Amino acid sequence: MSGQAFKPDIDRIFAVLRVPNDNKTCIDRGALNPTPSVTNAVYLSLGCSTLHRNMGTHITFVRPTNLDSWSPSSCAP
């Protein structure tokens, strides 16, 4: 499946994942509009996502849902 064909699907998936109130805020600080940590299956604020990125991808892998392109394989830790 090409990345372009997958984009509407992944956009819909992230829209559904953000419906629960717990997914609308950062797990650490409670800030709005969080970024997902694929490894830990949590949402992080911009500040927290920077801290997580500095830990290294072997600890946590953070990807913006609106800036990066996602493929089926990138949705799994």
PDB file of N, CA and C in Angstrom:
ATOM      1  N   MET A   1       0.859  -1.180   0.000  1.00  0.00           N
ATOM      2  CA  MET A   1       0.000   0.000   0.000  1.00  0.00           C
ATOM      3  C   MET A   1       0.896   1.231   0.000  1.00  0.00           C
ATOM      4  N   SER A   2       0.614   2.165  -0.863  1.00  0.00           N
ATOM      5  CA  SER A   2       1.443   3.364  -0.932  1.00  0.00           C
ATOM      6  C   SER A   2       1.148   4.295   0.235  1.00  0.00           C
ATOM      7  N   GLY A   3       2.104   5.174   0.535  1.00  0.00           N
ATOM      8  CA  GLY A   3       1.927   6.140   1.613  1.00  0.00           C
ATOM      9  C   GLY A   3       0.750   7.065   1.373  1.00  0.00           C
ATOM     10  N   GLN A   4       0.536   7.462   0.109  1.00  0.00           N
ATOM     11  CA  GLN A   4      -0.582   8.353  -0.212  1.00  0.00           C
ATOM     12  C   GLN A   4      -1.919   7.668   0.037  1.00  0.00           C
ATOM     13  N   ALA A   5      -2.034   6.401  -0.350  1.00  0.00           N
ATOM     14  CA  ALA A   5      -3.288   5.678  -0.149  1.00  0.00           C
ATOM     15  C   ALA A   5      -3.552   5.460   1.332  1.00  0.00           C
ATOM     16  N   PHE A   6      -2.510   5.356   2.113  1.00  0.00           N
ATOM     17  CA  PHE A   6      -2.644   5.093   3.544  1.00  0.00           C
ATOM     18  C   PHE A   6      -2.976   6.349   4.338  1.00  0.00           C
ATOM     19  N   LYS A   7      -2.629   7.541   3.841  1.00  0.00           N
ATOM     20  CA  LYS A   7      -2.800   8.783   4.598  1.00  0.00           C
ATOM     21  C   LYS A   7      -4.226   9.018   5.091  1.00  0.00           C
ATOM     22  N   PRO A   8      -5.263   8.889   4.265  1.00  0.00           N
ATOM     23  CA  PRO A   8      -6.621   9.092   4.805  1.00  0.00           C
ATOM     24  C   PRO A   8      -6.948   8.104   5.925  1.00  0.00           C
ATOM     25  N   ASP A   9      -6.462   6.875   5.795  1.00  0.00           N
ATOM     26  CA  ASP A   9      -6.712   5.880   6.837  1.00  0.00           C
ATOM     27  C   ASP A   9      -6.043   6.270   8.142  1.00  0.00           C
ATOM     28  N   ILE A  10      -4.794   6.680   8.079  1.00  0.00           N
ATOM     29  CA  ILE A  10      -4.072   7.022   9.311  1.00  0.00           C
ATOM     30  C   ILE A  10      -4.631   8.299   9.923  1.00  0.00           C
ATOM     31  N   ASP A  11      -5.042   9.253   9.107  1.00  0.00           N
ATOM     32  CA  ASP A  11      -5.676  10.467   9.642  1.00  0.00           C
ATOM     33  C   ASP A  11      -6.951  10.108  10.405  1.00  0.00           C
ATOM     34  N   ARG A  12      -7.714   9.179   9.865  1.00  0.00           N
ATOM     35  CA  ARG A  12      -8.946   8.733  10.523  1.00  0.00           C
ATOM     36  C   ARG A  12      -8.621   7.993  11.825  1.00  0.00           C
ATOM     37  N   ILE A  13      -7.584   7.183  11.802  1.00  0.00           N
ATOM     38  CA  ILE A  13      -7.171   6.453  13.010  1.00  0.00           C
ATOM     39  C   ILE A  13      -6.786   7.429  14.111  1.00  0.00           C
ATOM     40  N   PHE A  14      -5.972   8.436  13.789  1.00  0.00           N
ATOM     41  CA  PHE A  14      -5.554   9.401  14.811  1.00  0.00           C
ATOM     42  C   PHE A  14      -6.733  10.239  15.299  1.00  0.00           C
ATOM     43  N   ALA A  15      -7.678  10.536  14.430  1.00  0.00           N
ATOM     44  CA  ALA A  15      -8.874  11.271  14.859  1.00  0.00           C
ATOM     45  C   ALA A  15      -9.661  10.450  15.877  1.00  0.00           C
ATOM     46  N   VAL A  16      -9.787   9.166  15.639  1.00  0.00           N
ATOM     47  CA  VAL A  16     -10.494   8.281  16.572  1.00  0.00           C
ATOM     48  C   VAL A  16      -9.723   8.151  17.878  1.00  0.00           C
ATOM     49  N   LEU A  17      -8.408   8.030  17.792  1.00  0.00           N
ATOM     50  CA  LEU A  17      -7.592   7.877  19.001  1.00  0.00           C
ATOM     51  C   LEU A  17      -7.651   9.106  19.898  1.00  0.00           C
ATOM     52  N   ARG A  18      -7.910  10.263  19.321  1.00  0.00           N
ATOM     53  CA  ARG A  18      -7.955  11.487  20.124  1.00  0.00           C
ATOM     54  C   ARG A  18      -9.332  11.764  20.727  1.00  0.00           C
ATOM     55  N   VAL A  19     -10.314  10.926  20.438  1.00  0.00           N
ATOM     56  CA  VAL A  19     -11.657  11.128  20.988  1.00  0.00           C
ATOM     57  C   VAL A  19     -11.678  10.976  22.509  1.00  0.00           C
ATOM     58  N   PRO A  20     -11.084   9.914  23.079  1.00  0.00           N
ATOM     59  CA  PRO A  20     -11.096   9.812  24.544  1.00  0.00           C
ATOM     60  C   PRO A  20     -10.375  11.008  25.172  1.00  0.00           C
ATOM     61  N   ASN A  21     -10.920  11.535  26.248  1.00  0.00           N
ATOM     62  CA  ASN A  21     -10.319  12.704  26.904  1.00  0.00           C
ATOM     63  C   ASN A  21      -8.870  12.486  27.296  1.00  0.00           C
ATOM     64  N   ASP A  22      -8.512  11.276  27.695  1.00  0.00           N
ATOM     65  CA  ASP A  22      -7.134  11.003  28.106  1.00  0.00           C
ATOM     66  C   ASP A  22      -6.144  11.183  26.962  1.00  0.00           C
ATOM     67  N   ASN A  23      -6.589  11.045  25.730  1.00  0.00           N
ATOM     68  CA  ASN A  23      -5.700  11.167  24.580  1.00  0.00           C
ATOM     69  C   ASN A  23      -5.624  12.586  24.027  1.00  0.00           C
ATOM     70  N   LYS A  24      -6.326  13.523  24.629  1.00  0.00           N
ATOM     71  CA  LYS A  24      -6.308  14.905  24.160  1.00  0.00           C
ATOM     72  C   LYS A  24      -5.256  15.737  24.876  1.00  0.00           C
ATOM     73  N   THR A  25      -4.632  15.148  25.884  1.00  0.00           N
ATOM     74  CA  THR A  25      -3.637  15.886  26.662  1.00  0.00           C
ATOM     75  C   THR A  25      -2.385  15.042  26.866  1.00  0.00           C
ATOM     76  N   CYS A  26      -1.305  15.724  27.173  1.00  0.00           N
ATOM     77  CA  CYS A  26      -0.020  15.084  27.455  1.00  0.00           C
ATOM     78  C   CYS A  26      -0.143  14.221  28.714  1.00  0.00           C
ATOM     79  N   ILE A  27       0.402  13.032  28.666  1.00  0.00           N
ATOM     80  CA  ILE A  27       0.361  12.128  29.816  1.00  0.00           C
ATOM     81  C   ILE A  27       1.167  12.679  30.998  1.00  0.00           C
ATOM     82  N   ASP A  28       2.220  13.445  30.733  1.00  0.00           N
ATOM     83  CA  ASP A  28       3.085  13.961  31.801  1.00  0.00           C
ATOM     84  C   ASP A  28       2.605  15.290  32.372  1.00  0.00           C
ATOM     85  N   ARG A  29       2.234  16.232  31.500  1.00  0.00           N
ATOM     86  CA  ARG A  29       1.936  17.598  31.951  1.00  0.00           C
ATOM     87  C   ARG A  29       0.498  18.039  31.748  1.00  0.00           C
ATOM     88  N   GLY A  30      -0.281  17.280  31.002  1.00  0.00           N
ATOM     89  CA  GLY A  30      -1.665  17.661  30.766  1.00  0.00           C
ATOM     90  C   GLY A  30      -1.860  18.716  29.695  1.00  0.00           C
ATOM     91  N   ALA A  31      -0.814  19.063  28.956  1.00  0.00           N
ATOM     92  CA  ALA A  31      -0.918  20.075  27.899  1.00  0.00           C
ATOM     93  C   ALA A  31      -1.749  19.541  26.731  1.00  0.00           C
ATOM     94  N   LEU A  32      -2.426  20.449  26.033  1.00  0.00           N
ATOM     95  CA  LEU A  32      -3.253  20.075  24.889  1.00  0.00           C
ATOM     96  C   LEU A  32      -2.415  19.843  23.640  1.00  0.00           C
ATOM     97  N   ASN A  33      -3.018  19.211  22.637  1.00  0.00           N
ATOM     98  CA  ASN A  33      -2.407  18.938  21.334  1.00  0.00           C
ATOM     99  C   ASN A  33      -1.112  18.143  21.442  1.00  0.00           C
ATOM    100  N   PRO A  34      -1.153  16.998  22.072  1.00  0.00           N
ATOM    101  CA  PRO A  34       0.061  16.211  22.270  1.00  0.00           C
ATOM    102  C   PRO A  34       0.501  15.450  21.024  1.00  0.00           C
ATOM    103  N   THR A  35       1.746  14.987  21.053  1.00  0.00           N
ATOM    104  CA  THR A  35       2.371  14.175  20.017  1.00  0.00           C
ATOM    105  C   THR A  35       2.487  12.748  20.545  1.00  0.00           C
ATOM    106  N   PRO A  36       2.253  11.730  19.706  1.00  0.00           N
ATOM    107  CA  PRO A  36       2.327  10.367  20.227  1.00  0.00           C
ATOM    108  C   PRO A  36       3.748   9.835  20.371  1.00  0.00           C
ATOM    109  N   SER A  37       3.960   9.076  21.426  1.00  0.00           N
ATOM    110  CA  SER A  37       5.153   8.247  21.569  1.00  0.00           C
ATOM    111  C   SER A  37       4.728   6.858  21.120  1.00  0.00           C
ATOM    112  N   VAL A  38       5.222   6.430  19.971  1.00  0.00           N
ATOM    113  CA  VAL A  38       4.826   5.146  19.407  1.00  0.00           C
ATOM    114  C   VAL A  38       5.245   4.013  20.334  1.00  0.00           C
ATOM    115  N   THR A  39       6.445   4.101  20.873  1.00  0.00           N
ATOM    116  CA  THR A  39       6.978   3.054  21.739  1.00  0.00           C
ATOM    117  C   THR A  39       6.136   2.855  22.984  1.00  0.00           C
ATOM    118  N   ASN A  40       5.715   3.957  23.600  1.00  0.00           N
ATOM    119  CA  ASN A  40       5.000   3.882  24.873  1.00  0.00           C
ATOM    120  C   ASN A  40       3.486   3.991  24.738  1.00  0.00           C
ATOM    121  N   ALA A  41       2.994   4.213  23.523  1.00  0.00           N
ATOM    122  CA  ALA A  41       1.555   4.327  23.259  1.00  0.00           C
ATOM    123  C   ALA A  41       0.898   5.382  24.147  1.00  0.00           C
ATOM    124  N   VAL A  42       1.545   6.554  24.241  1.00  0.00           N
ATOM    125  CA  VAL A  42       1.017   7.679  25.008  1.00  0.00           C
ATOM    126  C   VAL A  42       1.165   8.950  24.178  1.00  0.00           C
ATOM    127  N   TYR A  43       0.477   9.999  24.592  1.00  0.00           N
ATOM    128  CA  TYR A  43       0.593  11.307  23.950  1.00  0.00           C
ATOM    129  C   TYR A  43       1.384  12.240  24.852  1.00  0.00           C
ATOM    130  N   LEU A  44       2.287  13.027  24.237  1.00  0.00           N
ATOM    131  CA  LEU A  44       3.185  13.916  24.969  1.00  0.00           C
ATOM    132  C   LEU A  44       3.087  15.340  24.441  1.00  0.00           C
ATOM    133  N   SER A  45       3.253  16.325  25.338  1.00  0.00           N
ATOM    134  CA  SER A  45       3.294  17.729  24.922  1.00  0.00           C
ATOM    135  C   SER A  45       4.575  17.978  24.132  1.00  0.00           C
ATOM    136  N   LEU A  46       4.665  19.140  23.510  1.00  0.00           N
ATOM    137  CA  LEU A  46       5.863  19.485  22.749  1.00  0.00           C
ATOM    138  C   LEU A  46       7.102  19.435  23.632  1.00  0.00           C
ATOM    139  N   GLY A  47       7.014  20.020  24.822  1.00  0.00           N
ATOM    140  CA  GLY A  47       8.157  20.008  25.739  1.00  0.00           C
ATOM    141  C   GLY A  47       8.545  18.606  26.160  1.00  0.00           C
ATOM    142  N   CYS A  48       7.561  17.802  26.500  1.00  0.00           N
ATOM    143  CA  CYS A  48       7.835  16.423  26.916  1.00  0.00           C
ATOM    144  C   CYS A  48       8.349  15.587  25.747  1.00  0.00           C
ATOM    145  N   SER A  49       7.812  15.832  24.549  1.00  0.00           N
ATOM    146  CA  SER A  49       8.277  15.061  23.396  1.00  0.00           C
ATOM    147  C   SER A  49       9.743  15.367  23.096  1.00  0.00           C
ATOM    148  N   THR A  50      10.166  16.600  23.340  1.00  0.00           N
ATOM    149  CA  THR A  50      11.581  16.950  23.169  1.00  0.00           C
ATOM    150  C   THR A  50      12.442  16.170  24.155  1.00  0.00           C
ATOM    151  N   LEU A  51      12.003  16.095  25.397  1.00  0.00           N
ATOM    152  CA  LEU A  51      12.738  15.317  26.399  1.00  0.00           C
ATOM    153  C   LEU A  51      12.804  13.848  26.003  1.00  0.00           C
ATOM    154  N   HIS A  52      11.698  13.314  25.514  1.00  0.00           N
ATOM    155  CA  HIS A  52      11.673  11.907  25.102  1.00  0.00           C
ATOM    156  C   HIS A  52      12.575  11.676  23.898  1.00  0.00           C
ATOM    157  N   ARG A  53      12.580  12.609  22.937  1.00  0.00           N
ATOM    158  CA  ARG A  53      13.466  12.467  21.773  1.00  0.00           C
ATOM    159  C   ARG A  53      14.929  12.444  22.208  1.00  0.00           C
ATOM    160  N   ASN A  54      15.265  13.250  23.207  1.00  0.00           N
ATOM    161  CA  ASN A  54      16.646  13.300  23.690  1.00  0.00           C
ATOM    162  C   ASN A  54      17.077  12.007  24.368  1.00  0.00           C
ATOM    163  N   MET A  55      16.115  11.187  24.818  1.00  0.00           N
ATOM    164  CA  MET A  55      16.449   9.899  25.432  1.00  0.00           C
ATOM    165  C   MET A  55      16.967   8.908  24.397  1.00  0.00           C
ATOM    166  N   GLY A  56      16.565   9.095  23.155  1.00  0.00           N
ATOM    167  CA  GLY A  56      16.971   8.184  22.089  1.00  0.00           C
ATOM    168  C   GLY A  56      15.830   7.273  21.667  1.00  0.00           C
ATOM    169  N   THR A  57      15.857   6.874  20.395  1.00  0.00           N
ATOM    170  CA  THR A  57      14.770   6.054  19.867  1.00  0.00           C
ATOM    171  C   THR A  57      14.775   4.639  20.425  1.00  0.00           C
ATOM    172  N   HIS A  58      15.866   4.226  21.041  1.00  0.00           N
ATOM    173  CA  HIS A  58      15.879   2.903  21.676  1.00  0.00           C
ATOM    174  C   HIS A  58      15.062   2.906  22.967  1.00  0.00           C
ATOM    175  N   ILE A  59      14.772   4.103  23.518  1.00  0.00           N
ATOM    176  CA  ILE A  59      13.954   4.240  24.728  1.00  0.00           C
ATOM    177  C   ILE A  59      12.518   4.597  24.357  1.00  0.00           C
ATOM    178  N   THR A  60      12.362   5.631  23.540  1.00  0.00           N
ATOM    179  CA  THR A  60      11.028   6.083  23.138  1.00  0.00           C
ATOM    180  C   THR A  60      11.107   6.685  21.742  1.00  0.00           C
ATOM    181  N   PHE A  61      10.107   6.426  20.938  1.00  0.00           N
ATOM    182  CA  PHE A  61      10.066   6.907  19.564  1.00  0.00           C
ATOM    183  C   PHE A  61       8.854   7.816  19.408  1.00  0.00           C
ATOM    184  N   VAL A  62       9.102   9.111  19.215  1.00  0.00           N
ATOM    185  CA  VAL A  62       8.048  10.128  19.146  1.00  0.00           C
ATOM    186  C   VAL A  62       7.922  10.611  17.707  1.00  0.00           C
ATOM    187  N   ARG A  63       6.682  10.675  17.214  1.00  0.00           N
ATOM    188  CA  ARG A  63       6.426  11.164  15.852  1.00  0.00           C
ATOM    189  C   ARG A  63       5.202  12.054  15.849  1.00  0.00           C
ATOM    190  N   PRO A  64       5.288  13.233  15.254  1.00  0.00           N
ATOM    191  CA  PRO A  64       4.096  14.076  15.118  1.00  0.00           C
ATOM    192  C   PRO A  64       3.085  13.424  14.171  1.00  0.00           C
ATOM    193  N   THR A  65       1.817  13.523  14.505  1.00  0.00           N
ATOM    194  CA  THR A  65       0.787  12.955  13.629  1.00  0.00           C
ATOM    195  C   THR A  65       0.498  13.856  12.447  1.00  0.00           C
ATOM    196  N   ASN A  66       0.810  15.130  12.566  1.00  0.00           N
ATOM    197  CA  ASN A  66       0.451  16.069  11.499  1.00  0.00           C
ATOM    198  C   ASN A  66       1.627  16.502  10.629  1.00  0.00           C
ATOM    199  N   LEU A  67       2.859  16.186  10.993  1.00  0.00           N
ATOM    200  CA  LEU A  67       4.017  16.618  10.208  1.00  0.00           C
ATOM    201  C   LEU A  67       4.701  15.468   9.481  1.00  0.00           C
ATOM    202  N   ASP A  68       4.782  14.313  10.123  1.00  0.00           N
ATOM    203  CA  ASP A  68       5.437  13.158   9.517  1.00  0.00           C
ATOM    204  C   ASP A  68       4.442  12.361   8.694  1.00  0.00           C
ATOM    205  N   SER A  69       4.975  11.644   7.708  1.00  0.00           N
ATOM    206  CA  SER A  69       4.111  10.715   6.980  1.00  0.00           C
ATOM    207  C   SER A  69       4.222   9.357   7.666  1.00  0.00           C
ATOM    208  N   TRP A  70       3.105   8.696   7.786  1.00  0.00           N
ATOM    209  CA  TRP A  70       3.028   7.419   8.483  1.00  0.00           C
ATOM    210  C   TRP A  70       2.731   6.312   7.483  1.00  0.00           C
ATOM    211  N   SER A  71       3.322   5.166   7.695  1.00  0.00           N
ATOM    212  CA  SER A  71       3.034   3.976   6.906  1.00  0.00           C
ATOM    213  C   SER A  71       2.493   2.921   7.863  1.00  0.00           C
ATOM    214  N   PRO A  72       1.935   1.842   7.353  1.00  0.00           N
ATOM    215  CA  PRO A  72       1.440   0.807   8.266  1.00  0.00           C
ATOM    216  C   PRO A  72       2.519   0.310   9.225  1.00  0.00           C
ATOM    217  N   SER A  73       3.740   0.154   8.739  1.00  0.00           N
ATOM    218  CA  SER A  73       4.809  -0.355   9.611  1.00  0.00           C
ATOM    219  C   SER A  73       5.243   0.668  10.657  1.00  0.00           C
ATOM    220  N   SER A  74       5.064   1.954  10.403  1.00  0.00           N
ATOM    221  CA  SER A  74       5.482   2.968  11.378  1.00  0.00           C
ATOM    222  C   SER A  74       4.468   3.152  12.498  1.00  0.00           C
ATOM    223  N   CYS A  75       3.324   2.504  12.395  1.00  0.00           N
ATOM    224  CA  CYS A  75       2.305   2.606  13.444  1.00  0.00           C
ATOM    225  C   CYS A  75       2.536   1.605  14.560  1.00  0.00           C
ATOM    226  N   ALA A  76       3.442   0.686  14.361  1.00  0.00           N
ATOM    227  CA  ALA A  76       3.724  -0.326  15.378  1.00  0.00           C
ATOM    228  C   ALA A  76       5.067  -0.029  16.027  1.00  0.00           C
ATOM    229  N   PRO A  77       5.149  -0.225  17.343  1.00  0.00           N
ATOM    230  CA  PRO A  77       6.430   0.014  18.026  1.00  0.00           C
ATOM    231  C   PRO A  77       7.492  -0.965  17.606  1.00  0.00           C
TER     232      PRO A  77
END
